[in-house]
Amino acid sequence: MVAQIAPEQTTIDEIDLDAPEIPEGLSDEEYREVLHRLSVASVERKFDAFADIDWDHPDFEVRHDDPRWILPTVDPLGGSQWYRSQPVEKQIAIGLWRQANVFRVGWQFENILIRGIMQHVFSLPIHSPEYRYLMHEATEECHHTQMFQEAVNRIGIDVPGMPRWIRALSPTFSLFANRFPVVFFSGVLAGEEPIDHVQKAILRSREEIHPMMGRIMEIHVAEEARHISFAHEYIKRMSPRLKRRQRFVVSLIYPVLMRILGDAILVPPKEFRRAFDIPDEVIHELYWEAPESRKMLSDVFADVRALAEQAGLMNAVSRRVWRALKMDGRPARYRSEPPVRFAA
């Protein structure tokens, strides 16, 4: 997955001396105010997995012959010539399996996140400004896991979700929440940003999708906006406070986390490829060799590249890592900026 990076003679000290001064984000008062606003929003605009989705409504019935499960064209596989050339029945079956697996990955990631949040808040001081908001976030993530699991159950396909090695290591991830919180919340973004980007792209596309999937996406996008906002502000605030060498190491870990968890969400697993006899060359092109798919990979991480610039996590060496991972490109001008094609 990772291309070779040619050695650099630049030292860590030289990198930091050449970098501009890194602002430490919000003041204490501003930071508390942001967390208060996020907490209030969590109270005033919240969703329940079973009160706000009418699972038994006739429109939400999952049928395995429903063409609304055909993958939208904004999905790399859904927009491919290979997929569009398949019989409609196979397109529907692929779409059902694919969406069920994305929901399963979402459930697994949220589960890891909840465990990490619980580990993190356990060590916070009594008057920590993060405590109330993070407990709101954990509550919302619990509803998301219920929502995703119910969707998978109703689709009725046994899917694996994340790659097996990530599932095996998942109990260790929450340990980073106490000792290396900037790395932990970088991992939070690595799991939240790709699925948020894809769901927004699907909703913006106006393509017809199954009502159950559309409702889940609407709820998830609305609440993930707060979770992503917190992670951005936390990293902008805490990263400049790291020691120089610590910040350099985090700057290299940061894009690797983005690519690993991004692939866990976006790239179909081997079980999926075998089940539908998808040629290896098709997968290889779509993830991420074709120019259109490379553009999508770059777009998915535009927000977190902008955050890296703001938080002092972009330097001469880390830029090479972003490029080697095929995730480089123009950083977003603002959060959730829609992908734009510029004239030559």
C-alpha atoms as a PDB file:
ATOM      1  CA  MET A   1       0.000   0.000   0.000  1.00  0.00           C
ATOM      2  CA  VAL A   2       2.808   2.392   0.915  1.00  0.00           C
ATOM      3  CA  ALA A   3       5.187   3.504  -1.805  1.00  0.00           C
ATOM      4  CA  GLN A   4       8.897   3.835  -1.085  1.00  0.00           C
ATOM      5  CA  ILE A   5       9.989   7.213   0.296  1.00  0.00           C
ATOM      6  CA  ALA A   6      13.446   8.342  -0.677  1.00  0.00           C
ATOM      7  CA  PRO A   7      15.628   9.218   2.340  1.00  0.00           C
ATOM      8  CA  GLU A   8      15.932  12.877   3.312  1.00  0.00           C
ATOM      9  CA  GLN A   9      18.901  14.499   4.977  1.00  0.00           C
ATOM     10  CA  THR A  10      16.683  16.984   6.818  1.00  0.00           C
ATOM     11  CA  THR A  11      16.755  16.573  10.598  1.00  0.00           C
ATOM     12  CA  ILE A  12      13.802  16.981  12.924  1.00  0.00           C
ATOM     13  CA  ASP A  13      15.295  20.156  14.381  1.00  0.00           C
ATOM     14  CA  GLU A  14      15.778  21.658  10.923  1.00  0.00           C
ATOM     15  CA  ILE A  15      12.203  20.846   9.964  1.00  0.00           C
ATOM     16  CA  ASP A  16      10.851  22.670  12.996  1.00  0.00           C
ATOM     17  CA  LEU A  17      13.186  25.626  12.582  1.00  0.00           C
ATOM     18  CA  ASP A  18      12.023  26.054   8.996  1.00  0.00           C
ATOM     19  CA  ALA A  19       8.335  25.783   9.882  1.00  0.00           C
ATOM     20  CA  PRO A  20       6.257  28.858  10.682  1.00  0.00           C
ATOM     21  CA  GLU A  21       5.195  29.455  14.266  1.00  0.00           C
ATOM     22  CA  ILE A  22       2.239  27.214  15.073  1.00  0.00           C
ATOM     23  CA  PRO A  23      -0.713  28.929  16.758  1.00  0.00           C
ATOM     24  CA  GLU A  24      -2.087  27.044  19.736  1.00  0.00           C
ATOM     25  CA  GLY A  25      -5.661  27.164  18.483  1.00  0.00           C
ATOM     26  CA  LEU A  26      -8.370  28.604  20.688  1.00  0.00           C
ATOM     27  CA  SER A  27      -7.795  30.280  24.035  1.00  0.00           C
ATOM     28  CA  ASP A  28      -9.008  28.454  27.149  1.00  0.00           C
ATOM     29  CA  GLU A  29     -12.159  30.580  27.227  1.00  0.00           C
ATOM     30  CA  GLU A  30     -12.850  30.125  23.495  1.00  0.00           C
ATOM     31  CA  TYR A  31     -12.227  26.382  23.755  1.00  0.00           C
ATOM     32  CA  ARG A  32     -14.691  26.030  26.638  1.00  0.00           C
ATOM     33  CA  GLU A  33     -17.254  28.039  24.693  1.00  0.00           C
ATOM     34  CA  VAL A  34     -16.917  25.772  21.640  1.00  0.00           C
ATOM     35  CA  LEU A  35     -17.362  22.657  23.785  1.00  0.00           C
ATOM     36  CA  HIS A  36     -20.360  24.232  25.497  1.00  0.00           C
ATOM     37  CA  ARG A  37     -21.987  25.006  22.123  1.00  0.00           C
ATOM     38  CA  LEU A  38     -21.354  21.450  20.917  1.00  0.00           C
ATOM     39  CA  SER A  39     -22.848  20.062  24.134  1.00  0.00           C
ATOM     40  CA  VAL A  40     -25.938  22.263  23.868  1.00  0.00           C
ATOM     41  CA  ALA A  41     -26.366  21.209  20.240  1.00  0.00           C
ATOM     42  CA  SER A  42     -26.169  17.568  21.341  1.00  0.00           C
ATOM     43  CA  VAL A  43     -29.083  18.195  23.703  1.00  0.00           C
ATOM     44  CA  GLU A  44     -31.190  20.276  21.306  1.00  0.00           C
ATOM     45  CA  ARG A  45     -30.597  18.260  18.136  1.00  0.00           C
ATOM     46  CA  LYS A  46     -30.234  14.592  18.927  1.00  0.00           C
ATOM     47  CA  PHE A  47     -31.511  11.375  17.409  1.00  0.00           C
ATOM     48  CA  ASP A  48     -32.537   8.012  18.783  1.00  0.00           C
ATOM     49  CA  ALA A  49     -31.896   4.925  16.674  1.00  0.00           C
ATOM     50  CA  PHE A  50     -35.398   3.597  17.269  1.00  0.00           C
ATOM     51  CA  ALA A  51     -37.470   6.729  17.911  1.00  0.00           C
ATOM     52  CA  ASP A  52     -36.298   8.617  14.821  1.00  0.00           C
ATOM     53  CA  ILE A  53     -36.232   5.780  12.282  1.00  0.00           C
ATOM     54  CA  ASP A  54     -39.526   4.061  11.509  1.00  0.00           C
ATOM     55  CA  TRP A  55     -37.963   0.677  10.831  1.00  0.00           C
ATOM     56  CA  ASP A  56     -41.319  -1.008  10.252  1.00  0.00           C
ATOM     57  CA  HIS A  57     -42.662   1.549   7.795  1.00  0.00           C
ATOM     58  CA  PRO A  58     -43.477  -0.107   4.426  1.00  0.00           C
ATOM     59  CA  ASP A  59     -41.094   2.277   2.616  1.00  0.00           C
ATOM     60  CA  PHE A  60     -38.214   0.977   4.748  1.00  0.00           C
ATOM     61  CA  GLU A  61     -38.766  -2.677   3.865  1.00  0.00           C
ATOM     62  CA  VAL A  62     -35.603  -4.271   2.511  1.00  0.00           C
ATOM     63  CA  ARG A  63     -36.244  -6.340  -0.618  1.00  0.00           C
ATOM     64  CA  HIS A  64     -33.428  -8.049  -2.467  1.00  0.00           C
ATOM     65  CA  ASP A  65     -34.929  -7.142  -5.839  1.00  0.00           C
ATOM     66  CA  ASP A  66     -35.158  -3.377  -5.118  1.00  0.00           C
ATOM     67  CA  PRO A  67     -33.147  -1.375  -7.719  1.00  0.00           C
ATOM     68  CA  ARG A  68     -32.650   1.432  -5.178  1.00  0.00           C
ATOM     69  CA  TRP A  69     -29.836  -0.702  -3.719  1.00  0.00           C
ATOM     70  CA  ILE A  70     -27.801  -0.303  -6.922  1.00  0.00           C
ATOM     71  CA  LEU A  71     -24.631   1.532  -5.955  1.00  0.00           C
ATOM     72  CA  PRO A  72     -24.630   5.268  -6.693  1.00  0.00           C
ATOM     73  CA  THR A  73     -22.161   6.524  -9.288  1.00  0.00           C
ATOM     74  CA  VAL A  74     -20.208   8.517  -6.669  1.00  0.00           C
ATOM     75  CA  ASP A  75     -19.046   5.167  -5.261  1.00  0.00           C
ATOM     76  CA  PRO A  76     -15.852   4.157  -7.147  1.00  0.00           C
ATOM     77  CA  LEU A  77     -17.226   0.685  -7.847  1.00  0.00           C
ATOM     78  CA  GLY A  78     -20.742   1.976  -8.516  1.00  0.00           C
ATOM     79  CA  GLY A  79     -19.494   4.357 -11.182  1.00  0.00           C
ATOM     80  CA  SER A  80     -17.250   1.798 -12.899  1.00  0.00           C
ATOM     81  CA  GLN A  81     -17.899   0.380 -16.347  1.00  0.00           C
ATOM     82  CA  TRP A  82     -17.477  -3.165 -14.999  1.00  0.00           C
ATOM     83  CA  TYR A  83     -20.263  -2.702 -12.432  1.00  0.00           C
ATOM     84  CA  ARG A  84     -22.644  -0.947 -14.813  1.00  0.00           C
ATOM     85  CA  SER A  85     -22.213  -3.766 -17.336  1.00  0.00           C
ATOM     86  CA  GLN A  86     -23.430  -6.416 -14.860  1.00  0.00           C
ATOM     87  CA  PRO A  87     -27.045  -7.707 -14.855  1.00  0.00           C
ATOM     88  CA  VAL A  88     -29.373  -5.616 -12.698  1.00  0.00           C
ATOM     89  CA  GLU A  89     -29.858  -8.512 -10.257  1.00  0.00           C
ATOM     90  CA  LYS A  90     -26.120  -8.699  -9.651  1.00  0.00           C
ATOM     91  CA  GLN A  91     -25.840  -4.921  -9.303  1.00  0.00           C
ATOM     92  CA  ILE A  92     -28.511  -5.016  -6.598  1.00  0.00           C
ATOM     93  CA  ALA A  93     -26.835  -7.935  -4.791  1.00  0.00           C
ATOM     94  CA  ILE A  94     -23.479  -6.155  -4.892  1.00  0.00           C
ATOM     95  CA  GLY A  95     -25.086  -2.950  -3.633  1.00  0.00           C
ATOM     96  CA  LEU A  96     -26.767  -4.703  -0.708  1.00  0.00           C
ATOM     97  CA  TRP A  97     -23.540  -6.457   0.321  1.00  0.00           C
ATOM     98  CA  ARG A  98     -21.478  -3.288  -0.073  1.00  0.00           C
ATOM     99  CA  GLN A  99     -23.816  -1.061   1.941  1.00  0.00           C
ATOM    100  CA  ALA A 100     -24.235  -3.697   4.658  1.00  0.00           C
ATOM    101  CA  ASN A 101     -20.458  -3.935   4.988  1.00  0.00           C
ATOM    102  CA  VAL A 102     -20.059  -0.157   5.213  1.00  0.00           C
ATOM    103  CA  PHE A 103     -22.650  -0.144   8.010  1.00  0.00           C
ATOM    104  CA  ARG A 104     -20.784  -2.993   9.708  1.00  0.00           C
ATOM    105  CA  VAL A 105     -17.477  -1.113   9.479  1.00  0.00           C
ATOM    106  CA  GLY A 106     -19.241   1.930  10.924  1.00  0.00           C
ATOM    107  CA  TRP A 107     -20.554  -0.163  13.841  1.00  0.00           C
ATOM    108  CA  GLN A 108     -17.082  -1.576  14.552  1.00  0.00           C
ATOM    109  CA  PHE A 109     -15.387   1.811  14.361  1.00  0.00           C
ATOM    110  CA  GLU A 110     -17.951   3.482  16.632  1.00  0.00           C
ATOM    111  CA  ASN A 111     -17.501   0.639  19.118  1.00  0.00           C
ATOM    112  CA  ILE A 112     -13.738   1.258  19.219  1.00  0.00           C
ATOM    113  CA  LEU A 113     -14.352   4.995  19.562  1.00  0.00           C
ATOM    114  CA  ILE A 114     -16.737   4.550  22.509  1.00  0.00           C
ATOM    115  CA  ARG A 115     -14.184   2.381  24.324  1.00  0.00           C
ATOM    116  CA  GLY A 116     -11.498   5.007  23.721  1.00  0.00           C
ATOM    117  CA  ILE A 117     -13.691   7.852  24.926  1.00  0.00           C
ATOM    118  CA  MET A 118     -14.487   5.951  28.132  1.00  0.00           C
ATOM    119  CA  GLN A 119     -10.785   5.341  28.674  1.00  0.00           C
ATOM    120  CA  HIS A 120      -9.969   8.998  28.006  1.00  0.00           C
ATOM    121  CA  VAL A 121     -12.614  10.571  30.251  1.00  0.00           C
ATOM    122  CA  PHE A 122     -11.680   8.229  33.121  1.00  0.00           C
ATOM    123  CA  SER A 123      -8.351  10.047  33.434  1.00  0.00           C
ATOM    124  CA  LEU A 124      -9.638  13.613  32.959  1.00  0.00           C
ATOM    125  CA  PRO A 125      -9.459  16.062  35.889  1.00  0.00           C
ATOM    126  CA  ILE A 126     -12.735  16.772  37.643  1.00  0.00           C
ATOM    127  CA  HIS A 127     -13.323  20.164  36.004  1.00  0.00           C
ATOM    128  CA  SER A 128     -12.170  19.160  32.521  1.00  0.00           C
ATOM    129  CA  PRO A 129     -14.033  21.071  29.774  1.00  0.00           C
ATOM    130  CA  GLU A 130     -14.016  17.956  27.559  1.00  0.00           C
ATOM    131  CA  TYR A 131     -15.924  15.663  29.934  1.00  0.00           C
ATOM    132  CA  ARG A 132     -19.509  16.742  29.254  1.00  0.00           C
ATOM    133  CA  TYR A 133     -19.112  16.962  25.490  1.00  0.00           C
ATOM    134  CA  LEU A 134     -17.329  13.610  25.164  1.00  0.00           C
ATOM    135  CA  MET A 135     -20.080  11.894  27.136  1.00  0.00           C
ATOM    136  CA  HIS A 136     -22.627  13.396  24.730  1.00  0.00           C
ATOM    137  CA  GLU A 137     -20.517  12.071  21.850  1.00  0.00           C
ATOM    138  CA  ALA A 138     -20.298   8.587  23.372  1.00  0.00           C
ATOM    139  CA  THR A 139     -24.083   8.558  23.817  1.00  0.00           C
ATOM    140  CA  GLU A 140     -24.596   9.513  20.176  1.00  0.00           C
ATOM    141  CA  GLU A 141     -22.132   6.870  19.027  1.00  0.00           C
ATOM    142  CA  CYS A 142     -24.082   4.247  20.999  1.00  0.00           C
ATOM    143  CA  HIS A 143     -27.181   5.193  19.003  1.00  0.00           C
ATOM    144  CA  HIS A 144     -25.138   4.985  15.797  1.00  0.00           C
ATOM    145  CA  THR A 145     -24.020   1.431  16.593  1.00  0.00           C
ATOM    146  CA  GLN A 146     -27.653   0.433  17.183  1.00  0.00           C
ATOM    147  CA  MET A 147     -28.669   2.135  13.940  1.00  0.00           C
ATOM    148  CA  PHE A 148     -25.960   0.435  11.882  1.00  0.00           C
ATOM    149  CA  GLN A 149     -26.540  -2.980  13.446  1.00  0.00           C
ATOM    150  CA  GLU A 150     -30.295  -2.798  12.847  1.00  0.00           C
ATOM    151  CA  ALA A 151     -29.662  -1.903   9.202  1.00  0.00           C
ATOM    152  CA  VAL A 152     -27.324  -4.894   8.749  1.00  0.00           C
ATOM    153  CA  ASN A 153     -29.842  -7.186  10.447  1.00  0.00           C
ATOM    154  CA  ARG A 154     -32.629  -6.042   8.127  1.00  0.00           C
ATOM    155  CA  ILE A 155     -30.477  -6.376   5.022  1.00  0.00           C
ATOM    156  CA  GLY A 156     -29.835  -9.920   6.216  1.00  0.00           C
ATOM    157  CA  ILE A 157     -26.308 -10.483   4.883  1.00  0.00           C
ATOM    158  CA  ASP A 158     -23.487 -11.723   7.104  1.00  0.00           C
ATOM    159  CA  VAL A 159     -20.638  -9.314   6.337  1.00  0.00           C
ATOM    160  CA  PRO A 160     -17.196  -9.079   8.003  1.00  0.00           C
ATOM    161  CA  GLY A 161     -16.753  -5.304   8.157  1.00  0.00           C
ATOM    162  CA  MET A 162     -13.183  -4.236   8.878  1.00  0.00           C
ATOM    163  CA  PRO A 163     -10.164  -6.310   7.798  1.00  0.00           C
ATOM    164  CA  ARG A 164      -9.457  -9.166  10.171  1.00  0.00           C
ATOM    165  CA  TRP A 165      -6.155  -7.721  11.428  1.00  0.00           C
ATOM    166  CA  ILE A 166      -7.810  -4.459  12.507  1.00  0.00           C
ATOM    167  CA  ARG A 167     -10.533  -6.390  14.329  1.00  0.00           C
ATOM    168  CA  ALA A 168      -7.857  -8.459  16.102  1.00  0.00           C
ATOM    169  CA  LEU A 169      -5.954  -5.361  17.257  1.00  0.00           C
ATOM    170  CA  SER A 170      -9.028  -3.294  18.141  1.00  0.00           C
ATOM    171  CA  PRO A 171      -8.868  -3.968  21.939  1.00  0.00           C
ATOM    172  CA  THR A 172      -5.493  -2.184  22.056  1.00  0.00           C
ATOM    173  CA  PHE A 173      -6.613   1.014  20.291  1.00  0.00           C
ATOM    174  CA  SER A 174      -8.353   2.505  23.325  1.00  0.00           C
ATOM    175  CA  LEU A 175      -5.026   2.423  25.210  1.00  0.00           C
ATOM    176  CA  PHE A 176      -3.843   5.332  23.049  1.00  0.00           C
ATOM    177  CA  ALA A 177      -6.676   7.526  24.353  1.00  0.00           C
ATOM    178  CA  ASN A 178      -4.880   8.219  27.656  1.00  0.00           C
ATOM    179  CA  ARG A 179      -1.208   8.203  26.778  1.00  0.00           C
ATOM    180  CA  PHE A 180      -1.365   9.607  23.249  1.00  0.00           C
ATOM    181  CA  PRO A 181      -4.663  11.490  22.942  1.00  0.00           C
ATOM    182  CA  VAL A 182      -3.594  13.455  19.846  1.00  0.00           C
ATOM    183  CA  VAL A 183      -2.911  10.141  18.069  1.00  0.00           C
ATOM    184  CA  PHE A 184      -6.220   8.739  19.323  1.00  0.00           C
ATOM    185  CA  PHE A 185      -8.263  11.684  18.074  1.00  0.00           C
ATOM    186  CA  SER A 186      -6.328  11.580  14.795  1.00  0.00           C
ATOM    187  CA  GLY A 187      -7.560   7.993  14.527  1.00  0.00           C
ATOM    188  CA  VAL A 188     -11.072   9.225  15.302  1.00  0.00           C
ATOM    189  CA  LEU A 189     -10.873  11.556  12.303  1.00  0.00           C
ATOM    190  CA  ALA A 190      -9.363   8.786  10.178  1.00  0.00           C
ATOM    191  CA  GLY A 191     -12.503   6.747  10.747  1.00  0.00           C
ATOM    192  CA  GLU A 192     -15.053   9.567  10.651  1.00  0.00           C
ATOM    193  CA  GLU A 193     -13.887  11.690   7.716  1.00  0.00           C
ATOM    194  CA  PRO A 194     -14.032   9.043   4.928  1.00  0.00           C
ATOM    195  CA  ILE A 195     -17.540   7.783   5.706  1.00  0.00           C
ATOM    196  CA  ASP A 196     -18.753  11.357   6.278  1.00  0.00           C
ATOM    197  CA  HIS A 197     -17.308  12.433   2.921  1.00  0.00           C
ATOM    198  CA  VAL A 198     -18.882   9.526   1.048  1.00  0.00           C
ATOM    199  CA  GLN A 199     -22.275   9.925   2.695  1.00  0.00           C
ATOM    200  CA  LYS A 200     -22.355  13.648   1.929  1.00  0.00           C
ATOM    201  CA  ALA A 201     -21.371  12.930  -1.675  1.00  0.00           C
ATOM    202  CA  ILE A 202     -24.230  10.433  -2.015  1.00  0.00           C
ATOM    203  CA  LEU A 203     -26.754  12.828  -0.472  1.00  0.00           C
ATOM    204  CA  ARG A 204     -25.531  15.716  -2.645  1.00  0.00           C
ATOM    205  CA  SER A 205     -25.705  13.595  -5.789  1.00  0.00           C
ATOM    206  CA  ARG A 206     -29.516  13.446  -5.591  1.00  0.00           C
ATOM    207  CA  GLU A 207     -29.397   9.879  -6.908  1.00  0.00           C
ATOM    208  CA  GLU A 208     -32.263   7.694  -5.732  1.00  0.00           C
ATOM    209  CA  ILE A 209     -31.263   5.493  -2.820  1.00  0.00           C
ATOM    210  CA  HIS A 210     -33.228   3.252  -0.474  1.00  0.00           C
ATOM    211  CA  PRO A 211     -35.153   5.362   2.117  1.00  0.00           C
ATOM    212  CA  MET A 212     -33.698   3.423   5.048  1.00  0.00           C
ATOM    213  CA  MET A 213     -30.167   4.108   3.897  1.00  0.00           C
ATOM    214  CA  GLY A 214     -30.990   7.759   3.211  1.00  0.00           C
ATOM    215  CA  ARG A 215     -32.435   8.283   6.704  1.00  0.00           C
ATOM    216  CA  ILE A 216     -29.417   6.645   8.366  1.00  0.00           C
ATOM    217  CA  MET A 217     -27.072   8.868   6.369  1.00  0.00           C
ATOM    218  CA  GLU A 218     -28.993  12.028   7.273  1.00  0.00           C
ATOM    219  CA  ILE A 219     -28.798  11.250  10.991  1.00  0.00           C
ATOM    220  CA  HIS A 220     -25.172  10.168  10.853  1.00  0.00           C
ATOM    221  CA  VAL A 221     -23.992  13.224   8.889  1.00  0.00           C
ATOM    222  CA  ALA A 222     -25.866  15.602  11.238  1.00  0.00           C
ATOM    223  CA  GLU A 223     -24.273  14.210  14.399  1.00  0.00           C
ATOM    224  CA  GLU A 224     -20.836  13.422  12.982  1.00  0.00           C
ATOM    225  CA  ALA A 225     -20.468  17.134  12.153  1.00  0.00           C
ATOM    226  CA  ARG A 226     -20.152  17.793  15.900  1.00  0.00           C
ATOM    227  CA  HIS A 227     -17.783  14.879  16.491  1.00  0.00           C
ATOM    228  CA  ILE A 228     -15.511  15.968  13.646  1.00  0.00           C
ATOM    229  CA  SER A 229     -15.586  19.592  14.867  1.00  0.00           C
ATOM    230  CA  PHE A 230     -14.428  18.520  18.322  1.00  0.00           C
ATOM    231  CA  ALA A 231     -11.588  16.347  16.990  1.00  0.00           C
ATOM    232  CA  HIS A 232     -10.381  19.205  14.758  1.00  0.00           C
ATOM    233  CA  GLU A 233     -10.360  21.706  17.620  1.00  0.00           C
ATOM    234  CA  TYR A 234      -8.734  19.235  20.016  1.00  0.00           C
ATOM    235  CA  ILE A 235      -5.883  18.460  17.615  1.00  0.00           C
ATOM    236  CA  LYS A 236      -5.368  22.148  16.743  1.00  0.00           C
ATOM    237  CA  ARG A 237      -5.201  22.932  20.463  1.00  0.00           C
ATOM    238  CA  MET A 238      -3.058  20.030  21.679  1.00  0.00           C
ATOM    239  CA  SER A 239      -0.672  19.312  18.797  1.00  0.00           C
ATOM    240  CA  PRO A 240       1.357  22.544  19.189  1.00  0.00           C
ATOM    241  CA  ARG A 241       1.827  21.684  22.868  1.00  0.00           C
ATOM    242  CA  LEU A 242       3.631  18.454  22.045  1.00  0.00           C
ATOM    243  CA  LYS A 243       7.411  18.346  22.268  1.00  0.00           C
ATOM    244  CA  ARG A 244       9.144  18.943  18.964  1.00  0.00           C
ATOM    245  CA  ARG A 245      10.073  15.318  18.345  1.00  0.00           C
ATOM    246  CA  GLN A 246       6.691  14.074  19.491  1.00  0.00           C
ATOM    247  CA  ARG A 247       4.975  16.376  17.020  1.00  0.00           C
ATOM    248  CA  PHE A 248       7.257  15.170  14.228  1.00  0.00           C
ATOM    249  CA  VAL A 249       6.417  11.512  14.967  1.00  0.00           C
ATOM    250  CA  VAL A 250       2.691  12.317  15.081  1.00  0.00           C
ATOM    251  CA  SER A 251       3.010  14.129  11.737  1.00  0.00           C
ATOM    252  CA  LEU A 252       4.140  10.820  10.180  1.00  0.00           C
ATOM    253  CA  ILE A 253       1.585   8.645  11.991  1.00  0.00           C
ATOM    254  CA  TYR A 254      -1.284  10.985  11.084  1.00  0.00           C
ATOM    255  CA  PRO A 255      -1.469  10.312   7.303  1.00  0.00           C
ATOM    256  CA  VAL A 256      -0.800   6.582   7.789  1.00  0.00           C
ATOM    257  CA  LEU A 257      -3.784   6.345  10.128  1.00  0.00           C
ATOM    258  CA  MET A 258      -5.907   8.194   7.571  1.00  0.00           C
ATOM    259  CA  ARG A 259      -4.984   5.755   4.811  1.00  0.00           C
ATOM    260  CA  ILE A 260      -5.374   2.584   6.891  1.00  0.00           C
ATOM    261  CA  LEU A 261      -8.805   3.431   8.284  1.00  0.00           C
ATOM    262  CA  GLY A 262      -9.869   5.084   5.036  1.00  0.00           C
ATOM    263  CA  ASP A 263      -9.134   1.853   3.173  1.00  0.00           C
ATOM    264  CA  ALA A 264     -10.987  -0.166   5.835  1.00  0.00           C
ATOM    265  CA  ILE A 265     -14.113   1.859   5.037  1.00  0.00           C
ATOM    266  CA  LEU A 266     -13.750   2.537   1.319  1.00  0.00           C
ATOM    267  CA  VAL A 267     -12.045  -0.541  -0.160  1.00  0.00           C
ATOM    268  CA  PRO A 268     -14.228  -3.683  -0.503  1.00  0.00           C
ATOM    269  CA  PRO A 269     -12.810  -6.641   1.473  1.00  0.00           C
ATOM    270  CA  LYS A 270     -11.554  -9.869  -0.085  1.00  0.00           C
ATOM    271  CA  GLU A 271     -14.719 -11.733   0.898  1.00  0.00           C
ATOM    272  CA  PHE A 272     -16.715  -9.300  -1.219  1.00  0.00           C
ATOM    273  CA  ARG A 273     -14.462  -9.678  -4.267  1.00  0.00           C
ATOM    274  CA  ARG A 274     -14.668 -13.473  -4.058  1.00  0.00           C
ATOM    275  CA  ALA A 275     -18.442 -13.512  -3.552  1.00  0.00           C
ATOM    276  CA  PHE A 276     -19.057 -11.540  -6.753  1.00  0.00           C
ATOM    277  CA  ASP A 277     -16.044 -12.670  -8.788  1.00  0.00           C
ATOM    278  CA  ILE A 278     -14.716  -9.134  -9.235  1.00  0.00           C
ATOM    279  CA  PRO A 279     -11.489  -9.157 -11.281  1.00  0.00           C
ATOM    280  CA  ASP A 280      -8.371  -8.076  -9.392  1.00  0.00           C
ATOM    281  CA  GLU A 281      -7.522  -5.562 -12.101  1.00  0.00           C
ATOM    282  CA  VAL A 282     -10.876  -3.820 -11.592  1.00  0.00           C
ATOM    283  CA  ILE A 283     -10.251  -3.431  -7.853  1.00  0.00           C
ATOM    284  CA  HIS A 284      -6.665  -2.362  -8.495  1.00  0.00           C
ATOM    285  CA  GLU A 285      -7.790   0.389 -10.886  1.00  0.00           C
ATOM    286  CA  LEU A 286     -10.621   1.643  -8.704  1.00  0.00           C
ATOM    287  CA  TYR A 287      -8.642   1.601  -5.415  1.00  0.00           C
ATOM    288  CA  TRP A 288      -6.586   3.758  -6.188  1.00  0.00           C
ATOM    289  CA  GLU A 289      -4.832   3.721  -9.567  1.00  0.00           C
ATOM    290  CA  ALA A 290      -7.380   5.254 -11.963  1.00  0.00           C
ATOM    291  CA  PRO A 291      -7.139   9.075 -12.176  1.00  0.00           C
ATOM    292  CA  GLU A 292     -10.758   9.485 -11.044  1.00  0.00           C
ATOM    293  CA  SER A 293     -10.236   7.267  -7.996  1.00  0.00           C
ATOM    294  CA  ARG A 294      -6.966   9.055  -7.122  1.00  0.00           C
ATOM    295  CA  LYS A 295      -8.905  12.331  -7.256  1.00  0.00           C
ATOM    296  CA  MET A 296     -11.532  10.893  -4.916  1.00  0.00           C
ATOM    297  CA  LEU A 297      -8.877   9.674  -2.457  1.00  0.00           C
ATOM    298  CA  SER A 298      -7.356  13.154  -2.428  1.00  0.00           C
ATOM    299  CA  ASP A 299     -10.765  14.789  -1.968  1.00  0.00           C
ATOM    300  CA  VAL A 300     -11.692  12.517   0.949  1.00  0.00           C
ATOM    301  CA  PHE A 301      -8.734  13.791   2.977  1.00  0.00           C
ATOM    302  CA  ALA A 302      -8.769  17.468   1.957  1.00  0.00           C
ATOM    303  CA  ASP A 303     -10.156  18.527   5.368  1.00  0.00           C
ATOM    304  CA  VAL A 304      -7.578  16.598   7.384  1.00  0.00           C
ATOM    305  CA  ARG A 305      -4.743  17.922   5.189  1.00  0.00           C
ATOM    306  CA  ALA A 306      -5.929  21.444   6.038  1.00  0.00           C
ATOM    307  CA  LEU A 307      -5.978  20.456   9.713  1.00  0.00           C
ATOM    308  CA  ALA A 308      -2.418  19.119   9.438  1.00  0.00           C
ATOM    309  CA  GLU A 309      -1.305  22.518   8.126  1.00  0.00           C
ATOM    310  CA  GLN A 310      -3.091  24.345  10.954  1.00  0.00           C
ATOM    311  CA  ALA A 311      -1.856  22.030  13.707  1.00  0.00           C
ATOM    312  CA  GLY A 312       1.806  21.908  12.701  1.00  0.00           C
ATOM    313  CA  LEU A 313       1.596  18.328  11.446  1.00  0.00           C
ATOM    314  CA  MET A 314       2.745  19.096   7.913  1.00  0.00           C
ATOM    315  CA  ASN A 315       6.471  19.307   7.223  1.00  0.00           C
ATOM    316  CA  ALA A 316       8.978  18.354   4.532  1.00  0.00           C
ATOM    317  CA  VAL A 317       8.994  14.668   5.473  1.00  0.00           C
ATOM    318  CA  SER A 318       5.294  14.241   6.242  1.00  0.00           C
ATOM    319  CA  ARG A 319       4.431  15.809   2.860  1.00  0.00           C
ATOM    320  CA  ARG A 320       6.362  12.987   1.253  1.00  0.00           C
ATOM    321  CA  VAL A 321       4.332  10.459   3.256  1.00  0.00           C
ATOM    322  CA  TRP A 322       1.063  12.030   2.075  1.00  0.00           C
ATOM    323  CA  ARG A 323       2.346  11.856  -1.508  1.00  0.00           C
ATOM    324  CA  ALA A 324       3.548   8.257  -1.170  1.00  0.00           C
ATOM    325  CA  LEU A 325       0.131   7.250   0.150  1.00  0.00           C
ATOM    326  CA  LYS A 326      -1.548   8.986  -2.846  1.00  0.00           C
ATOM    327  CA  MET A 327      -3.399  11.325  -0.510  1.00  0.00           C
ATOM    328  CA  ASP A 328      -1.713  14.614  -1.330  1.00  0.00           C
ATOM    329  CA  GLY A 329      -3.407  17.551  -2.997  1.00  0.00           C
ATOM    330  CA  ARG A 330      -4.877  20.941  -2.277  1.00  0.00           C
ATOM    331  CA  PRO A 331      -6.114  21.255   1.335  1.00  0.00           C
ATOM    332  CA  ALA A 332      -9.746  22.236   1.828  1.00  0.00           C
ATOM    333  CA  ARG A 333     -10.380  25.975   2.059  1.00  0.00           C
ATOM    334  CA  TYR A 334     -13.030  25.324   4.695  1.00  0.00           C
ATOM    335  CA  ARG A 335     -14.545  22.320   6.484  1.00  0.00           C
ATOM    336  CA  SER A 336     -16.667  20.039   4.302  1.00  0.00           C
ATOM    337  CA  GLU A 337     -15.836  21.938   1.111  1.00  0.00           C
ATOM    338  CA  PRO A 338     -17.459  20.002  -1.764  1.00  0.00           C
ATOM    339  CA  PRO A 339     -14.973  18.623  -4.333  1.00  0.00           C
ATOM    340  CA  VAL A 340     -14.394  21.174  -7.078  1.00  0.00           C
ATOM    341  CA  ARG A 341     -12.986  20.639 -10.550  1.00  0.00           C
ATOM    342  CA  PHE A 342     -10.925  23.629 -11.591  1.00  0.00           C
ATOM    343  CA  ALA A 343     -10.370  24.606 -15.207  1.00  0.00           C
ATOM    344  CA  ALA A 344      -6.871  23.990 -16.480  1.00  0.00           C
END
